[in-house]
Structures are given as structure tokens and as C-alpha cells.
Amino acid sequence: MIKKTKDEIRQMEKNYPGITESIWGFEFAVLPPCPHCGSEDTAQIQCGIIGRTIHIASATSRIKLLFNYDGKGQFHCNTCAKRFG
């Protein structure tokens, strides 16, 4: 789900050219439903915190940032907060 206004995304695009395409890429990605609760409100896990990824994660709920990836699943459920995959 998009969490930013069009104006906010336009401003991000000025600072990070190409970021709008990345945001929509995550937004429209086909992700599996959560095997624990069945929710389709899931996100892809990304490791590392840099300006660009922070802005993408602030714009869409379809990406979950972790400081250190421990290998426990490549997806995150936004409903029950469990990792899977």
C-alpha cells in the first residue's frame, strides 16, 4: 500500500532519480500470502539501511527493512509480523 502522497513521491524522485519506478516495482510485485495467518498484506525483506531504501520503505508497505538479515525468511507479514519463505 502506498503511504506517501504524489507530491512526496515527486520530491523523492528529485533527490533519488528512478525511485518512483522502484516504489511501483515493489507495490505491484506478486508476493505470496502469509502461510501463518493467510494475509495477503505481505512485504519483501531487504537488508541494509541507506537513504534510497529508507525512502522506498517509507513510501510502500511492500518492503520491510532489516538492519542485519539473519536468513529467516525472505518475506514479512504486515498483519501477524511473522517472516516466511
C-alpha atoms as a PDB file:
ATOM      1  CA  MET A   1       0.000   0.000   0.000  1.00  0.00           C
ATOM      2  CA  ILE A   2       1.344   3.416  -0.956  1.00  0.00           C
ATOM      3  CA  LYS A   3       1.983   5.504   2.168  1.00  0.00           C
ATOM      4  CA  LYS A   4       3.103   8.789   0.577  1.00  0.00           C
ATOM      5  CA  THR A   5       1.329  11.479  -1.421  1.00  0.00           C
ATOM      6  CA  LYS A   6       2.113  12.137  -5.078  1.00  0.00           C
ATOM      7  CA  ASP A   7       3.897  15.341  -4.070  1.00  0.00           C
ATOM      8  CA  GLU A   8       6.061  13.497  -1.548  1.00  0.00           C
ATOM      9  CA  ILE A   9       6.991  10.878  -4.149  1.00  0.00           C
ATOM     10  CA  ARG A  10       7.775  13.641  -6.666  1.00  0.00           C
ATOM     11  CA  GLN A  11      10.159  15.187  -4.122  1.00  0.00           C
ATOM     12  CA  MET A  12      11.819  11.800  -3.531  1.00  0.00           C
ATOM     13  CA  GLU A  13      12.273  11.458  -7.301  1.00  0.00           C
ATOM     14  CA  LYS A  14      14.160  14.772  -7.372  1.00  0.00           C
ATOM     15  CA  ASN A  15      16.559  13.502  -4.702  1.00  0.00           C
ATOM     16  CA  TYR A  16      16.786   9.905  -5.969  1.00  0.00           C
ATOM     17  CA  PRO A  17      16.191   9.715  -9.748  1.00  0.00           C
ATOM     18  CA  GLY A  18      14.411   6.479 -10.650  1.00  0.00           C
ATOM     19  CA  ILE A  19      12.989   5.902  -7.157  1.00  0.00           C
ATOM     20  CA  THR A  20       9.379   6.181  -8.371  1.00  0.00           C
ATOM     21  CA  GLU A  21       9.901   3.184 -10.637  1.00  0.00           C
ATOM     22  CA  SER A  22      11.417   1.246  -7.722  1.00  0.00           C
ATOM     23  CA  ILE A  23       8.482   2.114  -5.454  1.00  0.00           C
ATOM     24  CA  TRP A  24       5.936   0.962  -8.033  1.00  0.00           C
ATOM     25  CA  GLY A  25       8.021  -2.165  -8.684  1.00  0.00           C
ATOM     26  CA  PHE A  26       7.610  -3.176  -5.043  1.00  0.00           C
ATOM     27  CA  GLU A  27       3.983  -2.020  -4.940  1.00  0.00           C
ATOM     28  CA  PHE A  28       2.954  -4.232  -7.871  1.00  0.00           C
ATOM     29  CA  ALA A  29       5.203  -7.199  -7.081  1.00  0.00           C
ATOM     30  CA  VAL A  30       3.388 -10.506  -6.777  1.00  0.00           C
ATOM     31  CA  LEU A  31       4.182 -11.692  -3.260  1.00  0.00           C
ATOM     32  CA  PRO A  32       2.973 -14.874  -1.581  1.00  0.00           C
ATOM     33  CA  PRO A  33       0.333 -14.754   1.146  1.00  0.00           C
ATOM     34  CA  CYS A  34       1.403 -15.418   4.728  1.00  0.00           C
ATOM     35  CA  PRO A  35       1.342 -19.169   5.473  1.00  0.00           C
ATOM     36  CA  HIS A  36       0.726 -18.416   9.167  1.00  0.00           C
ATOM     37  CA  CYS A  37      -2.372 -16.190   9.024  1.00  0.00           C
ATOM     38  CA  GLY A  38      -3.314 -16.179   5.320  1.00  0.00           C
ATOM     39  CA  SER A  39      -2.956 -12.399   4.931  1.00  0.00           C
ATOM     40  CA  GLU A  40      -2.032 -11.092   1.503  1.00  0.00           C
ATOM     41  CA  ASP A  41      -0.596  -7.930   3.106  1.00  0.00           C
ATOM     42  CA  THR A  42       2.999  -9.103   2.848  1.00  0.00           C
ATOM     43  CA  ALA A  43       6.342  -7.450   2.079  1.00  0.00           C
ATOM     44  CA  GLN A  44       9.685  -8.438   0.645  1.00  0.00           C
ATOM     45  CA  ILE A  45      12.529  -8.274   3.161  1.00  0.00           C
ATOM     46  CA  GLN A  46      15.526  -6.128   2.230  1.00  0.00           C
ATOM     47  CA  CYS A  47      18.733  -5.819   4.223  1.00  0.00           C
ATOM     48  CA  GLY A  48      20.660  -2.644   4.748  1.00  0.00           C
ATOM     49  CA  ILE A  49      19.692   0.882   5.551  1.00  0.00           C
ATOM     50  CA  ILE A  50      20.653   3.544   3.036  1.00  0.00           C
ATOM     51  CA  GLY A  51      18.840   6.726   2.029  1.00  0.00           C
ATOM     52  CA  ARG A  52      17.229   5.292  -1.094  1.00  0.00           C
ATOM     53  CA  THR A  53      15.879   2.125   0.548  1.00  0.00           C
ATOM     54  CA  ILE A  54      14.661   4.096   3.559  1.00  0.00           C
ATOM     55  CA  HIS A  55      12.657   6.328   1.235  1.00  0.00           C
ATOM     56  CA  ILE A  56      11.250   3.356  -0.705  1.00  0.00           C
ATOM     57  CA  ALA A  57      10.202   1.663   2.546  1.00  0.00           C
ATOM     58  CA  SER A  58       8.587   4.874   3.753  1.00  0.00           C
ATOM     59  CA  ALA A  59       6.528   5.028   0.556  1.00  0.00           C
ATOM     60  CA  THR A  60       5.182   1.451   0.357  1.00  0.00           C
ATOM     61  CA  SER A  61       4.327  -1.267   2.847  1.00  0.00           C
ATOM     62  CA  ARG A  62       5.528  -3.888   0.362  1.00  0.00           C
ATOM     63  CA  ILE A  63       9.140  -3.692   1.567  1.00  0.00           C
ATOM     64  CA  LYS A  64      10.422  -4.479   5.077  1.00  0.00           C
ATOM     65  CA  LEU A  65      13.899  -3.250   6.015  1.00  0.00           C
ATOM     66  CA  LEU A  66      16.161  -5.099   8.428  1.00  0.00           C
ATOM     67  CA  PHE A  67      19.485  -3.847   9.733  1.00  0.00           C
ATOM     68  CA  ASN A  68      21.002  -7.311   9.677  1.00  0.00           C
ATOM     69  CA  TYR A  69      19.456 -10.170   7.721  1.00  0.00           C
ATOM     70  CA  ASP A  70      19.646 -13.450   9.605  1.00  0.00           C
ATOM     71  CA  GLY A  71      18.339 -15.640   6.779  1.00  0.00           C
ATOM     72  CA  LYS A  72      14.997 -16.347   8.466  1.00  0.00           C
ATOM     73  CA  GLY A  73      12.609 -15.867   5.556  1.00  0.00           C
ATOM     74  CA  GLN A  74      12.549 -13.556   2.582  1.00  0.00           C
ATOM     75  CA  PHE A  75       9.022 -12.226   3.216  1.00  0.00           C
ATOM     76  CA  HIS A  76       7.330 -10.415   6.108  1.00  0.00           C
ATOM     77  CA  CYS A  77       3.630 -10.438   7.010  1.00  0.00           C
ATOM     78  CA  ASN A  78       2.347  -6.956   7.828  1.00  0.00           C
ATOM     79  CA  THR A  79      -0.643  -8.493   9.659  1.00  0.00           C
ATOM     80  CA  CYS A  80       0.911 -11.044  12.024  1.00  0.00           C
ATOM     81  CA  ALA A  81       4.542  -9.761  11.756  1.00  0.00           C
ATOM     82  CA  LYS A  82       5.986 -13.235  11.060  1.00  0.00           C
ATOM     83  CA  ARG A  83       8.659 -13.978   8.475  1.00  0.00           C
ATOM     84  CA  PHE A  84       8.374 -16.765   5.933  1.00  0.00           C
ATOM     85  CA  GLY A  85       9.669 -18.113   2.619  1.00  0.00           C
END
